[in-house]
Amino acid sequence: MDSPSSDRVVRPKVSLPVLPDRRPDLIPGRGPVGDGRPMWQQLLPAGVERRPGWLTVKMPVGGRYQELDRIMRGKRLNTVCEEARCPNIGECWGYGTATFMILGDICTRACAFCAVTSGRPTGLDLEEPERVAEAVAEMGLRHAVITSVDRDDLPDGGAAIFARTVEAIHRRVPGCQVEVLTPDFQGSEASIARVVGAAPEIFNHNIETVARLYPRVRPKSLYPRSLSVLRRAGELRPGSQTKSGLMVGLGETMEEAKEVLVDLRRHGVGLVTIGQYLRPSLKHIRCERFWRPEEFLELREFGMSLGFAHVESGPLVRSSYHAHEQAGAGAARPGRVGSGAE
């Protein structure tokens, strides 16, 4: 065997330290990932160093909160309060209200703002409506909110389970008002009619953002379709209350936000919520700016001038925030709910 060449240089192997890569990896339309700053700072709008005081909340504590958490775990139920990381969970659970999320915890859509897990759901829990009703009774709720992930994999989008849940609550807790916060059911009138036929006190479907931003924020949804769902729900049950919610902070203007309110009134919506978008993680669409409290007040006053029965507008407002109070306001002003302003 030939010997190694005499002019070959053998260099010792040296282990070099591995340094973290500080270069931001870009997610199209959603901003940088890993720019070296603390995670909580990276979730803020550009140029903002910390959340303003009006966006700070206390950690959830107290016996009532712990009791509701125990009931939810015991019934194997999901809440959007937890899945969507709602900042008001401590206040709402402490008061004794909660939003139940039915049809599993995996959504078939992947909206750019939403913290709920997306993917391919498996199975359908046919006993869930009764468990939700049992939990509502055990919690002593006067106003229960029922929402869900999108289930585009189901022929009816989950409408039958929605309806059965509403009926089960009414049967078990007759004095409890039920509000449904539904997906768009891909515009299926049969699905909308199935849910409305169960006679929920409030039919809620969130518009979420302004028309211009739909392709980026809600790529699998359509702005006109969401408006038509709300109009049809009101038409199918005249005198009932319809409701919708809007987020701000995604790059919309004040004028565009007001246009959404005008569109909602024209489609018969009587109750509306407006709140600040808070970016859940670096994988989600970036928050462009924090709206100030006086801007939320301006939107509220504009909305009330259009004839809404109630406008809940504030930095930490979410769809189910003070839901029982919104329902009361709508019931107290029935003449202004369900007839769109032209």
C-alpha atoms as a PDB file:
ATOM      1  CA  MET A   1       0.000   0.000   0.000  1.00  0.00           C
ATOM      2  CA  ASP A   2       1.353   3.421  -0.916  1.00  0.00           C
ATOM      3  CA  SER A   3       2.297   5.694   1.947  1.00  0.00           C
ATOM      4  CA  PRO A   4       0.631   9.080   2.320  1.00  0.00           C
ATOM      5  CA  SER A   5       2.159  11.869   0.309  1.00  0.00           C
ATOM      6  CA  SER A   6       4.888  13.645   2.211  1.00  0.00           C
ATOM      7  CA  ASP A   7       3.563  17.068   1.249  1.00  0.00           C
ATOM      8  CA  ARG A   8       0.063  16.449   2.706  1.00  0.00           C
ATOM      9  CA  VAL A   9      -0.722  18.749   5.608  1.00  0.00           C
ATOM     10  CA  VAL A  10      -2.890  17.264   8.337  1.00  0.00           C
ATOM     11  CA  ARG A  11      -4.742  20.000  10.262  1.00  0.00           C
ATOM     12  CA  PRO A  12      -6.288  19.280  13.651  1.00  0.00           C
ATOM     13  CA  LYS A  13     -10.062  19.563  13.905  1.00  0.00           C
ATOM     14  CA  VAL A  14     -11.182  22.558  15.915  1.00  0.00           C
ATOM     15  CA  SER A  15     -14.684  22.882  17.421  1.00  0.00           C
ATOM     16  CA  LEU A  16     -15.895  26.425  16.958  1.00  0.00           C
ATOM     17  CA  PRO A  17     -18.671  27.925  19.119  1.00  0.00           C
ATOM     18  CA  VAL A  18     -22.082  28.016  17.456  1.00  0.00           C
ATOM     19  CA  LEU A  19     -23.413  31.573  17.470  1.00  0.00           C
ATOM     20  CA  PRO A  20     -27.154  32.310  17.246  1.00  0.00           C
ATOM     21  CA  ASP A  21     -28.308  33.518  13.869  1.00  0.00           C
ATOM     22  CA  ARG A  22     -29.656  37.054  14.367  1.00  0.00           C
ATOM     23  CA  ARG A  23     -30.731  37.527  10.790  1.00  0.00           C
ATOM     24  CA  PRO A  24     -34.518  37.871  10.557  1.00  0.00           C
ATOM     25  CA  ASP A  25     -36.241  35.199   8.510  1.00  0.00           C
ATOM     26  CA  LEU A  26     -39.172  36.799   6.721  1.00  0.00           C
ATOM     27  CA  ILE A  27     -42.639  35.305   6.572  1.00  0.00           C
ATOM     28  CA  PRO A  28     -44.360  36.973   3.582  1.00  0.00           C
ATOM     29  CA  GLY A  29     -46.789  39.579   4.833  1.00  0.00           C
ATOM     30  CA  ARG A  30     -46.140  38.728   8.457  1.00  0.00           C
ATOM     31  CA  GLY A  31     -42.738  40.245   9.276  1.00  0.00           C
ATOM     32  CA  PRO A  32     -39.430  39.076  10.718  1.00  0.00           C
ATOM     33  CA  VAL A  33     -38.792  36.102  12.947  1.00  0.00           C
ATOM     34  CA  GLY A  34     -35.959  36.136  15.478  1.00  0.00           C
ATOM     35  CA  ASP A  35     -34.442  39.635  15.288  1.00  0.00           C
ATOM     36  CA  GLY A  36     -32.626  39.252  18.604  1.00  0.00           C
ATOM     37  CA  ARG A  37     -34.945  41.310  20.819  1.00  0.00           C
ATOM     38  CA  PRO A  38     -37.035  39.782  23.624  1.00  0.00           C
ATOM     39  CA  MET A  39     -40.057  37.989  22.189  1.00  0.00           C
ATOM     40  CA  TRP A  40     -42.604  40.326  23.812  1.00  0.00           C
ATOM     41  CA  GLN A  41     -40.953  43.297  22.107  1.00  0.00           C
ATOM     42  CA  GLN A  42     -40.921  41.625  18.700  1.00  0.00           C
ATOM     43  CA  LEU A  43     -44.706  41.262  18.902  1.00  0.00           C
ATOM     44  CA  LEU A  44     -45.192  45.032  19.207  1.00  0.00           C
ATOM     45  CA  PRO A  45     -45.709  47.449  16.289  1.00  0.00           C
ATOM     46  CA  ALA A  46     -42.546  48.861  14.702  1.00  0.00           C
ATOM     47  CA  GLY A  47     -41.004  51.628  16.786  1.00  0.00           C
ATOM     48  CA  VAL A  48     -42.943  50.722  19.947  1.00  0.00           C
ATOM     49  CA  GLU A  49     -40.851  49.588  22.914  1.00  0.00           C
ATOM     50  CA  ARG A  50     -43.617  48.448  25.272  1.00  0.00           C
ATOM     51  CA  ARG A  51     -47.388  48.152  25.503  1.00  0.00           C
ATOM     52  CA  PRO A  52     -49.190  51.303  26.603  1.00  0.00           C
ATOM     53  CA  GLY A  53     -50.940  51.303  29.958  1.00  0.00           C
ATOM     54  CA  TRP A  54     -54.391  50.902  28.412  1.00  0.00           C
ATOM     55  CA  LEU A  55     -53.364  47.468  27.086  1.00  0.00           C
ATOM     56  CA  THR A  56     -52.210  45.954  30.366  1.00  0.00           C
ATOM     57  CA  VAL A  57     -54.342  43.487  32.321  1.00  0.00           C
ATOM     58  CA  LYS A  58     -54.073  41.627  35.603  1.00  0.00           C
ATOM     59  CA  MET A  59     -53.312  37.928  35.688  1.00  0.00           C
ATOM     60  CA  PRO A  60     -56.437  35.787  36.253  1.00  0.00           C
ATOM     61  CA  VAL A  61     -56.811  34.902  39.911  1.00  0.00           C
ATOM     62  CA  GLY A  62     -59.557  34.191  42.425  1.00  0.00           C
ATOM     63  CA  GLY A  63     -61.773  31.357  43.531  1.00  0.00           C
ATOM     64  CA  ARG A  64     -64.403  31.906  40.834  1.00  0.00           C
ATOM     65  CA  TYR A  65     -61.810  31.670  38.062  1.00  0.00           C
ATOM     66  CA  GLN A  66     -60.386  28.462  39.533  1.00  0.00           C
ATOM     67  CA  GLU A  67     -63.856  26.972  39.923  1.00  0.00           C
ATOM     68  CA  LEU A  68     -64.759  27.605  36.272  1.00  0.00           C
ATOM     69  CA  ASP A  69     -61.431  26.160  35.163  1.00  0.00           C
ATOM     70  CA  ARG A  70     -62.179  23.018  37.177  1.00  0.00           C
ATOM     71  CA  ILE A  71     -65.610  22.653  35.571  1.00  0.00           C
ATOM     72  CA  MET A  72     -64.215  23.109  32.049  1.00  0.00           C
ATOM     73  CA  ARG A  73     -61.514  20.499  32.581  1.00  0.00           C
ATOM     74  CA  GLY A  74     -63.938  18.086  34.198  1.00  0.00           C
ATOM     75  CA  LYS A  75     -66.358  18.296  31.249  1.00  0.00           C
ATOM     76  CA  ARG A  76     -63.535  18.060  28.687  1.00  0.00           C
ATOM     77  CA  LEU A  77     -64.598  21.341  27.124  1.00  0.00           C
ATOM     78  CA  ASN A  78     -62.677  24.007  25.233  1.00  0.00           C
ATOM     79  CA  THR A  79     -63.051  27.743  25.694  1.00  0.00           C
ATOM     80  CA  VAL A  80     -62.121  30.401  23.180  1.00  0.00           C
ATOM     81  CA  CYS A  81     -61.047  32.443  26.199  1.00  0.00           C
ATOM     82  CA  GLU A  82     -58.016  30.153  26.498  1.00  0.00           C
ATOM     83  CA  GLU A  83     -57.476  29.103  22.875  1.00  0.00           C
ATOM     84  CA  ALA A  84     -57.512  32.691  21.564  1.00  0.00           C
ATOM     85  CA  ARG A  85     -55.538  33.986  24.580  1.00  0.00           C
ATOM     86  CA  CYS A  86     -58.187  36.563  25.446  1.00  0.00           C
ATOM     87  CA  PRO A  87     -56.830  39.349  27.682  1.00  0.00           C
ATOM     88  CA  ASN A  88     -60.116  39.533  29.592  1.00  0.00           C
ATOM     89  CA  ILE A  89     -60.221  35.925  30.764  1.00  0.00           C
ATOM     90  CA  GLY A  90     -59.643  36.875  34.403  1.00  0.00           C
ATOM     91  CA  GLU A  91     -62.401  39.482  34.464  1.00  0.00           C
ATOM     92  CA  CYS A  92     -64.985  37.427  32.569  1.00  0.00           C
ATOM     93  CA  TRP A  93     -64.356  34.166  34.413  1.00  0.00           C
ATOM     94  CA  GLY A  94     -64.293  36.031  37.688  1.00  0.00           C
ATOM     95  CA  TYR A  95     -67.727  37.451  36.869  1.00  0.00           C
ATOM     96  CA  GLY A  96     -69.025  34.014  35.933  1.00  0.00           C
ATOM     97  CA  THR A  97     -69.245  34.143  32.137  1.00  0.00           C
ATOM     98  CA  ALA A  98     -67.337  32.123  29.565  1.00  0.00           C
ATOM     99  CA  THR A  99     -67.355  31.380  25.849  1.00  0.00           C
ATOM    100  CA  PHE A 100     -67.508  27.678  24.990  1.00  0.00           C
ATOM    101  CA  MET A 101     -65.694  26.560  21.851  1.00  0.00           C
ATOM    102  CA  ILE A 102     -67.376  23.528  20.328  1.00  0.00           C
ATOM    103  CA  LEU A 103     -66.506  21.238  17.408  1.00  0.00           C
ATOM    104  CA  GLY A 104     -62.972  20.575  18.634  1.00  0.00           C
ATOM    105  CA  ASP A 105     -59.885  22.757  18.904  1.00  0.00           C
ATOM    106  CA  ILE A 106     -58.465  22.437  15.371  1.00  0.00           C
ATOM    107  CA  CYS A 107     -59.637  24.895  12.704  1.00  0.00           C
ATOM    108  CA  THR A 108     -59.744  24.117   8.987  1.00  0.00           C
ATOM    109  CA  ARG A 109     -58.791  27.690   8.151  1.00  0.00           C
ATOM    110  CA  ALA A 110     -55.645  29.620   8.986  1.00  0.00           C
ATOM    111  CA  CYS A 111     -56.590  33.249   9.445  1.00  0.00           C
ATOM    112  CA  ALA A 112     -53.455  35.358   9.805  1.00  0.00           C
ATOM    113  CA  PHE A 113     -54.497  36.834  13.166  1.00  0.00           C
ATOM    114  CA  CYS A 114     -55.904  33.820  14.998  1.00  0.00           C
ATOM    115  CA  ALA A 115     -54.159  31.914  17.797  1.00  0.00           C
ATOM    116  CA  VAL A 116     -56.365  28.820  17.463  1.00  0.00           C
ATOM    117  CA  THR A 117     -54.541  25.786  16.020  1.00  0.00           C
ATOM    118  CA  SER A 118     -55.213  25.132  12.336  1.00  0.00           C
ATOM    119  CA  GLY A 119     -55.052  21.800  10.573  1.00  0.00           C
ATOM    120  CA  ARG A 120     -57.224  18.801   9.729  1.00  0.00           C
ATOM    121  CA  PRO A 121     -59.793  17.973  12.462  1.00  0.00           C
ATOM    122  CA  THR A 122     -60.671  14.376  13.231  1.00  0.00           C
ATOM    123  CA  GLY A 123     -64.043  13.123  14.376  1.00  0.00           C
ATOM    124  CA  LEU A 124     -67.094  14.792  15.830  1.00  0.00           C
ATOM    125  CA  ASP A 125     -68.170  14.686  19.478  1.00  0.00           C
ATOM    126  CA  LEU A 126     -71.930  14.096  19.389  1.00  0.00           C
ATOM    127  CA  GLU A 127     -72.192  14.261  23.185  1.00  0.00           C
ATOM    128  CA  GLU A 128     -70.628  17.705  23.405  1.00  0.00           C
ATOM    129  CA  PRO A 129     -73.922  19.688  23.363  1.00  0.00           C
ATOM    130  CA  GLU A 130     -75.146  17.952  26.540  1.00  0.00           C
ATOM    131  CA  ARG A 131     -71.803  18.441  28.298  1.00  0.00           C
ATOM    132  CA  VAL A 132     -71.866  22.154  27.485  1.00  0.00           C
ATOM    133  CA  ALA A 133     -75.408  22.431  28.845  1.00  0.00           C
ATOM    134  CA  GLU A 134     -74.374  20.601  32.014  1.00  0.00           C
ATOM    135  CA  ALA A 135     -71.470  23.011  32.476  1.00  0.00           C
ATOM    136  CA  VAL A 136     -73.724  26.045  31.952  1.00  0.00           C
ATOM    137  CA  ALA A 137     -76.085  24.712  34.613  1.00  0.00           C
ATOM    138  CA  GLU A 138     -73.274  23.911  37.041  1.00  0.00           C
ATOM    139  CA  MET A 139     -71.729  27.356  36.540  1.00  0.00           C
ATOM    140  CA  GLY A 140     -75.059  29.097  37.031  1.00  0.00           C
ATOM    141  CA  LEU A 141     -74.724  31.214  33.892  1.00  0.00           C
ATOM    142  CA  ARG A 142     -77.347  33.702  32.814  1.00  0.00           C
ATOM    143  CA  HIS A 143     -75.725  34.320  29.417  1.00  0.00           C
ATOM    144  CA  ALA A 144     -73.756  31.634  27.597  1.00  0.00           C
ATOM    145  CA  VAL A 145     -71.731  32.238  24.428  1.00  0.00           C
ATOM    146  CA  ILE A 146     -71.156  29.334  22.031  1.00  0.00           C
ATOM    147  CA  THR A 147     -68.535  29.593  19.311  1.00  0.00           C
ATOM    148  CA  SER A 148     -66.480  27.141  17.290  1.00  0.00           C
ATOM    149  CA  VAL A 149     -63.532  26.550  15.043  1.00  0.00           C
ATOM    150  CA  ASP A 150     -64.262  26.479  11.322  1.00  0.00           C
ATOM    151  CA  ARG A 151     -65.222  22.972  10.230  1.00  0.00           C
ATOM    152  CA  ASP A 152     -65.204  23.171   6.444  1.00  0.00           C
ATOM    153  CA  ASP A 153     -64.644  19.407   6.478  1.00  0.00           C
ATOM    154  CA  LEU A 154     -68.258  18.839   7.590  1.00  0.00           C
ATOM    155  CA  PRO A 155     -71.149  19.023   5.084  1.00  0.00           C
ATOM    156  CA  ASP A 156     -73.070  21.494   7.267  1.00  0.00           C
ATOM    157  CA  GLY A 157     -70.011  23.211   8.728  1.00  0.00           C
ATOM    158  CA  GLY A 158     -71.055  22.048  12.196  1.00  0.00           C
ATOM    159  CA  ALA A 159     -74.449  23.785  12.157  1.00  0.00           C
ATOM    160  CA  ALA A 160     -76.286  20.782  13.613  1.00  0.00           C
ATOM    161  CA  ILE A 161     -73.989  20.667  16.668  1.00  0.00           C
ATOM    162  CA  PHE A 162     -74.461  24.410  17.147  1.00  0.00           C
ATOM    163  CA  ALA A 163     -78.232  23.990  17.072  1.00  0.00           C
ATOM    164  CA  ARG A 164     -78.219  20.993  19.411  1.00  0.00           C
ATOM    165  CA  THR A 165     -76.047  22.913  21.884  1.00  0.00           C
ATOM    166  CA  VAL A 166     -78.421  25.888  21.931  1.00  0.00           C
ATOM    167  CA  GLU A 167     -81.405  23.577  22.385  1.00  0.00           C
ATOM    168  CA  ALA A 168     -79.694  21.625  25.166  1.00  0.00           C
ATOM    169  CA  ILE A 169     -78.912  24.796  27.120  1.00  0.00           C
ATOM    170  CA  HIS A 170     -82.445  26.152  26.747  1.00  0.00           C
ATOM    171  CA  ARG A 171     -83.837  22.820  27.879  1.00  0.00           C
ATOM    172  CA  ARG A 172     -81.564  22.437  30.898  1.00  0.00           C
ATOM    173  CA  VAL A 173     -81.290  26.128  31.921  1.00  0.00           C
ATOM    174  CA  PRO A 174     -84.479  27.851  30.701  1.00  0.00           C
ATOM    175  CA  GLY A 175     -83.534  31.273  32.064  1.00  0.00           C
ATOM    176  CA  CYS A 176     -80.140  31.397  30.347  1.00  0.00           C
ATOM    177  CA  GLN A 177     -79.699  33.544  27.242  1.00  0.00           C
ATOM    178  CA  VAL A 178     -77.644  31.909  24.505  1.00  0.00           C
ATOM    179  CA  GLU A 179     -75.446  33.772  22.051  1.00  0.00           C
ATOM    180  CA  VAL A 180     -73.856  31.964  19.122  1.00  0.00           C
ATOM    181  CA  LEU A 181     -70.681  33.218  17.466  1.00  0.00           C
ATOM    182  CA  THR A 182     -70.585  31.253  14.237  1.00  0.00           C
ATOM    183  CA  PRO A 183     -68.264  30.769  11.259  1.00  0.00           C
ATOM    184  CA  ASP A 184     -69.609  31.764   7.850  1.00  0.00           C
ATOM    185  CA  PHE A 185     -70.627  28.165   6.964  1.00  0.00           C
ATOM    186  CA  GLN A 186     -69.269  29.017   3.470  1.00  0.00           C
ATOM    187  CA  GLY A 187     -72.482  30.966   2.951  1.00  0.00           C
ATOM    188  CA  SER A 188     -74.771  27.921   3.238  1.00  0.00           C
ATOM    189  CA  GLU A 189     -78.298  29.155   3.874  1.00  0.00           C
ATOM    190  CA  ALA A 190     -79.338  25.697   5.106  1.00  0.00           C
ATOM    191  CA  SER A 191     -76.655  25.821   7.800  1.00  0.00           C
ATOM    192  CA  ILE A 192     -77.557  29.360   8.823  1.00  0.00           C
ATOM    193  CA  ALA A 193     -81.232  28.362   9.006  1.00  0.00           C
ATOM    194  CA  ARG A 194     -80.413  25.314  11.148  1.00  0.00           C
ATOM    195  CA  VAL A 195     -78.660  27.457  13.751  1.00  0.00           C
ATOM    196  CA  VAL A 196     -81.215  30.268  13.687  1.00  0.00           C
ATOM    197  CA  GLY A 197     -83.998  27.681  13.993  1.00  0.00           C
ATOM    198  CA  ALA A 198     -82.672  26.724  17.430  1.00  0.00           C
ATOM    199  CA  ALA A 199     -83.648  30.242  18.556  1.00  0.00           C
ATOM    200  CA  PRO A 200     -80.462  31.661  20.064  1.00  0.00           C
ATOM    201  CA  GLU A 201     -81.088  35.054  21.626  1.00  0.00           C
ATOM    202  CA  ILE A 202     -78.151  36.551  19.685  1.00  0.00           C
ATOM    203  CA  PHE A 203     -76.639  35.479  16.367  1.00  0.00           C
ATOM    204  CA  ASN A 204     -73.058  36.736  16.112  1.00  0.00           C
ATOM    205  CA  HIS A 205     -70.668  36.421  13.191  1.00  0.00           C
ATOM    206  CA  ASN A 206     -67.494  38.502  13.213  1.00  0.00           C
ATOM    207  CA  ILE A 207     -66.596  40.613  10.192  1.00  0.00           C
ATOM    208  CA  GLU A 208     -63.090  40.867  11.768  1.00  0.00           C
ATOM    209  CA  THR A 209     -61.442  43.423   9.452  1.00  0.00           C
ATOM    210  CA  VAL A 210     -62.002  45.912   6.645  1.00  0.00           C
ATOM    211  CA  ALA A 211     -62.727  44.774   3.097  1.00  0.00           C
ATOM    212  CA  ARG A 212     -59.321  45.821   1.718  1.00  0.00           C
ATOM    213  CA  LEU A 213     -57.421  43.582   4.135  1.00  0.00           C
ATOM    214  CA  TYR A 214     -59.475  40.403   3.683  1.00  0.00           C
ATOM    215  CA  PRO A 215     -57.112  38.697   1.192  1.00  0.00           C
ATOM    216  CA  ARG A 216     -54.221  39.030   3.649  1.00  0.00           C
ATOM    217  CA  VAL A 217     -56.016  38.679   6.992  1.00  0.00           C
ATOM    218  CA  ARG A 218     -58.779  36.179   6.130  1.00  0.00           C
ATOM    219  CA  PRO A 219     -57.637  34.538   2.866  1.00  0.00           C
ATOM    220  CA  LYS A 220     -60.268  31.775   2.987  1.00  0.00           C
ATOM    221  CA  SER A 221     -63.161  34.115   3.760  1.00  0.00           C
ATOM    222  CA  LEU A 222     -65.026  36.808   1.833  1.00  0.00           C
ATOM    223  CA  TYR A 223     -66.164  40.202   3.134  1.00  0.00           C
ATOM    224  CA  PRO A 224     -69.479  40.220   1.176  1.00  0.00           C
ATOM    225  CA  ARG A 225     -70.204  36.647   2.294  1.00  0.00           C
ATOM    226  CA  SER A 226     -69.836  37.537   5.975  1.00  0.00           C
ATOM    227  CA  LEU A 227     -72.217  40.475   5.510  1.00  0.00           C
ATOM    228  CA  SER A 228     -74.750  38.228   3.753  1.00  0.00           C
ATOM    229  CA  VAL A 229     -74.588  35.684   6.604  1.00  0.00           C
ATOM    230  CA  LEU A 230     -75.531  38.401   9.082  1.00  0.00           C
ATOM    231  CA  ARG A 231     -78.337  39.760   6.920  1.00  0.00           C
ATOM    232  CA  ARG A 232     -79.794  36.308   6.292  1.00  0.00           C
ATOM    233  CA  ALA A 233     -79.705  35.390   9.981  1.00  0.00           C
ATOM    234  CA  GLY A 234     -81.745  38.486  10.781  1.00  0.00           C
ATOM    235  CA  GLU A 235     -84.207  37.824   7.969  1.00  0.00           C
ATOM    236  CA  LEU A 236     -84.808  34.231   9.033  1.00  0.00           C
ATOM    237  CA  ARG A 237     -85.825  35.294  12.542  1.00  0.00           C
ATOM    238  CA  PRO A 238     -87.237  38.832  12.524  1.00  0.00           C
ATOM    239  CA  GLY A 239     -86.918  40.595  15.850  1.00  0.00           C
ATOM    240  CA  SER A 240     -83.847  38.615  16.899  1.00  0.00           C
ATOM    241  CA  GLN A 241     -80.523  40.316  17.609  1.00  0.00           C
ATOM    242  CA  THR A 242     -77.576  40.080  15.245  1.00  0.00           C
ATOM    243  CA  LYS A 243     -74.076  41.063  16.211  1.00  0.00           C
ATOM    244  CA  SER A 244     -70.581  41.366  14.738  1.00  0.00           C
ATOM    245  CA  GLY A 245     -67.043  42.246  15.780  1.00  0.00           C
ATOM    246  CA  LEU A 246     -64.196  44.248  14.264  1.00  0.00           C
ATOM    247  CA  MET A 247     -60.457  44.313  15.065  1.00  0.00           C
ATOM    248  CA  VAL A 248     -58.272  47.357  14.480  1.00  0.00           C
ATOM    249  CA  GLY A 249     -54.504  47.675  14.302  1.00  0.00           C
ATOM    250  CA  LEU A 250     -53.934  45.670  11.109  1.00  0.00           C
ATOM    251  CA  GLY A 251     -53.294  48.670   8.876  1.00  0.00           C
ATOM    252  CA  GLU A 252     -56.822  49.958   8.336  1.00  0.00           C
ATOM    253  CA  THR A 253     -57.732  53.649   8.453  1.00  0.00           C
ATOM    254  CA  MET A 254     -60.390  55.325  10.572  1.00  0.00           C
ATOM    255  CA  GLU A 255     -62.425  55.909   7.414  1.00  0.00           C
ATOM    256  CA  GLU A 256     -62.282  52.215   6.500  1.00  0.00           C
ATOM    257  CA  ALA A 257     -63.333  51.184  10.008  1.00  0.00           C
ATOM    258  CA  LYS A 258     -66.313  53.516   9.796  1.00  0.00           C
ATOM    259  CA  GLU A 259     -67.217  52.063   6.395  1.00  0.00           C
ATOM    260  CA  VAL A 260     -67.422  48.622   8.033  1.00  0.00           C
ATOM    261  CA  LEU A 261     -69.863  49.990  10.619  1.00  0.00           C
ATOM    262  CA  VAL A 262     -72.001  51.475   7.864  1.00  0.00           C
ATOM    263  CA  ASP A 263     -72.010  48.134   6.009  1.00  0.00           C
ATOM    264  CA  LEU A 264     -72.989  46.241   9.158  1.00  0.00           C
ATOM    265  CA  ARG A 265     -75.939  48.549   9.836  1.00  0.00           C
ATOM    266  CA  ARG A 266     -77.080  48.251   6.236  1.00  0.00           C
ATOM    267  CA  HIS A 267     -77.145  44.494   6.728  1.00  0.00           C
ATOM    268  CA  GLY A 268     -79.325  44.696   9.831  1.00  0.00           C
ATOM    269  CA  VAL A 269     -76.704  44.252  12.552  1.00  0.00           C
ATOM    270  CA  GLY A 270     -77.700  45.820  15.870  1.00  0.00           C
ATOM    271  CA  LEU A 271     -74.780  45.031  18.196  1.00  0.00           C
ATOM    272  CA  VAL A 272     -71.086  45.498  17.481  1.00  0.00           C
ATOM    273  CA  THR A 273     -67.766  45.088  19.287  1.00  0.00           C
ATOM    274  CA  ILE A 274     -64.521  46.843  18.348  1.00  0.00           C
ATOM    275  CA  GLY A 275     -61.149  45.968  19.881  1.00  0.00           C
ATOM    276  CA  GLN A 276     -57.395  46.152  19.403  1.00  0.00           C
ATOM    277  CA  TYR A 277     -55.586  43.344  17.576  1.00  0.00           C
ATOM    278  CA  LEU A 278     -52.765  41.888  19.667  1.00  0.00           C
ATOM    279  CA  ARG A 279     -50.288  39.704  17.795  1.00  0.00           C
ATOM    280  CA  PRO A 280     -50.243  36.193  19.335  1.00  0.00           C
ATOM    281  CA  SER A 281     -46.855  35.126  17.948  1.00  0.00           C
ATOM    282  CA  LEU A 282     -44.289  35.917  15.275  1.00  0.00           C
ATOM    283  CA  LYS A 283     -46.063  33.499  12.922  1.00  0.00           C
ATOM    284  CA  HIS A 284     -49.115  35.761  12.899  1.00  0.00           C
ATOM    285  CA  ILE A 285     -49.693  38.935  10.935  1.00  0.00           C
ATOM    286  CA  ARG A 286     -47.949  41.902  12.478  1.00  0.00           C
ATOM    287  CA  CYS A 287     -49.758  44.576  14.463  1.00  0.00           C
ATOM    288  CA  GLU A 288     -49.264  47.844  12.593  1.00  0.00           C
ATOM    289  CA  ARG A 289     -50.210  50.203  15.426  1.00  0.00           C
ATOM    290  CA  PHE A 290     -52.021  50.545  18.722  1.00  0.00           C
ATOM    291  CA  TRP A 291     -55.203  52.593  18.457  1.00  0.00           C
ATOM    292  CA  ARG A 292     -55.676  55.125  21.243  1.00  0.00           C
ATOM    293  CA  PRO A 293     -58.676  55.100  23.635  1.00  0.00           C
ATOM    294  CA  GLU A 294     -60.040  58.329  22.131  1.00  0.00           C
ATOM    295  CA  GLU A 295     -60.123  56.680  18.697  1.00  0.00           C
ATOM    296  CA  PHE A 296     -62.211  53.813  20.089  1.00  0.00           C
ATOM    297  CA  LEU A 297     -64.530  56.423  21.601  1.00  0.00           C
ATOM    298  CA  GLU A 298     -64.847  58.097  18.192  1.00  0.00           C
ATOM    299  CA  LEU A 299     -65.833  54.773  16.622  1.00  0.00           C
ATOM    300  CA  ARG A 300     -68.360  54.142  19.373  1.00  0.00           C
ATOM    301  CA  GLU A 301     -69.993  57.541  18.926  1.00  0.00           C
ATOM    302  CA  PHE A 302     -70.067  57.107  15.144  1.00  0.00           C
ATOM    303  CA  GLY A 303     -71.616  53.664  15.481  1.00  0.00           C
ATOM    304  CA  MET A 304     -74.311  54.861  17.858  1.00  0.00           C
ATOM    305  CA  SER A 305     -75.153  57.664  15.424  1.00  0.00           C
ATOM    306  CA  LEU A 306     -75.854  55.001  12.787  1.00  0.00           C
ATOM    307  CA  GLY A 307     -78.514  53.402  14.991  1.00  0.00           C
ATOM    308  CA  PHE A 308     -76.719  50.453  16.588  1.00  0.00           C
ATOM    309  CA  ALA A 309     -78.407  49.399  19.815  1.00  0.00           C
ATOM    310  CA  HIS A 310     -75.013  48.966  21.457  1.00  0.00           C
ATOM    311  CA  VAL A 311     -71.377  49.547  20.471  1.00  0.00           C
ATOM    312  CA  GLU A 312     -68.742  48.077  22.798  1.00  0.00           C
ATOM    313  CA  SER A 313     -65.533  49.793  21.683  1.00  0.00           C
ATOM    314  CA  GLY A 314     -62.225  49.771  23.531  1.00  0.00           C
ATOM    315  CA  PRO A 315     -58.631  48.500  23.367  1.00  0.00           C
ATOM    316  CA  LEU A 316     -59.294  45.248  25.236  1.00  0.00           C
ATOM    317  CA  VAL A 317     -62.815  44.587  23.916  1.00  0.00           C
ATOM    318  CA  ARG A 318     -63.437  41.146  22.413  1.00  0.00           C
ATOM    319  CA  SER A 319     -66.592  39.602  20.924  1.00  0.00           C
ATOM    320  CA  SER A 320     -67.861  38.179  24.196  1.00  0.00           C
ATOM    321  CA  TYR A 321     -66.689  41.013  26.470  1.00  0.00           C
ATOM    322  CA  HIS A 322     -69.645  42.182  28.600  1.00  0.00           C
ATOM    323  CA  ALA A 323     -71.846  40.019  26.356  1.00  0.00           C
ATOM    324  CA  HIS A 324     -74.658  39.935  28.908  1.00  0.00           C
ATOM    325  CA  GLU A 325     -74.723  43.744  29.031  1.00  0.00           C
ATOM    326  CA  GLN A 326     -74.784  43.988  25.229  1.00  0.00           C
ATOM    327  CA  ALA A 327     -77.733  41.607  25.115  1.00  0.00           C
ATOM    328  CA  GLY A 328     -79.586  43.723  27.637  1.00  0.00           C
ATOM    329  CA  ALA A 329     -78.941  46.899  25.646  1.00  0.00           C
ATOM    330  CA  GLY A 330     -80.225  45.267  22.471  1.00  0.00           C
ATOM    331  CA  ALA A 331     -83.356  43.994  24.168  1.00  0.00           C
ATOM    332  CA  ALA A 332     -84.041  47.434  25.619  1.00  0.00           C
ATOM    333  CA  ARG A 333     -83.950  49.056  22.179  1.00  0.00           C
ATOM    334  CA  PRO A 334     -85.642  46.524  19.890  1.00  0.00           C
ATOM    335  CA  GLY A 335     -86.788  49.174  17.450  1.00  0.00           C
ATOM    336  CA  ARG A 336     -83.212  49.881  16.474  1.00  0.00           C
ATOM    337  CA  VAL A 337     -82.089  46.302  16.060  1.00  0.00           C
ATOM    338  CA  GLY A 338     -82.576  44.376  12.839  1.00  0.00           C
ATOM    339  CA  SER A 339     -83.467  47.271  10.545  1.00  0.00           C
ATOM    340  CA  GLY A 340     -80.494  48.498   8.617  1.00  0.00           C
ATOM    341  CA  ALA A 341     -79.685  52.160   8.202  1.00  0.00           C
ATOM    342  CA  GLU A 342     -79.620  53.277   4.626  1.00  0.00           C
END
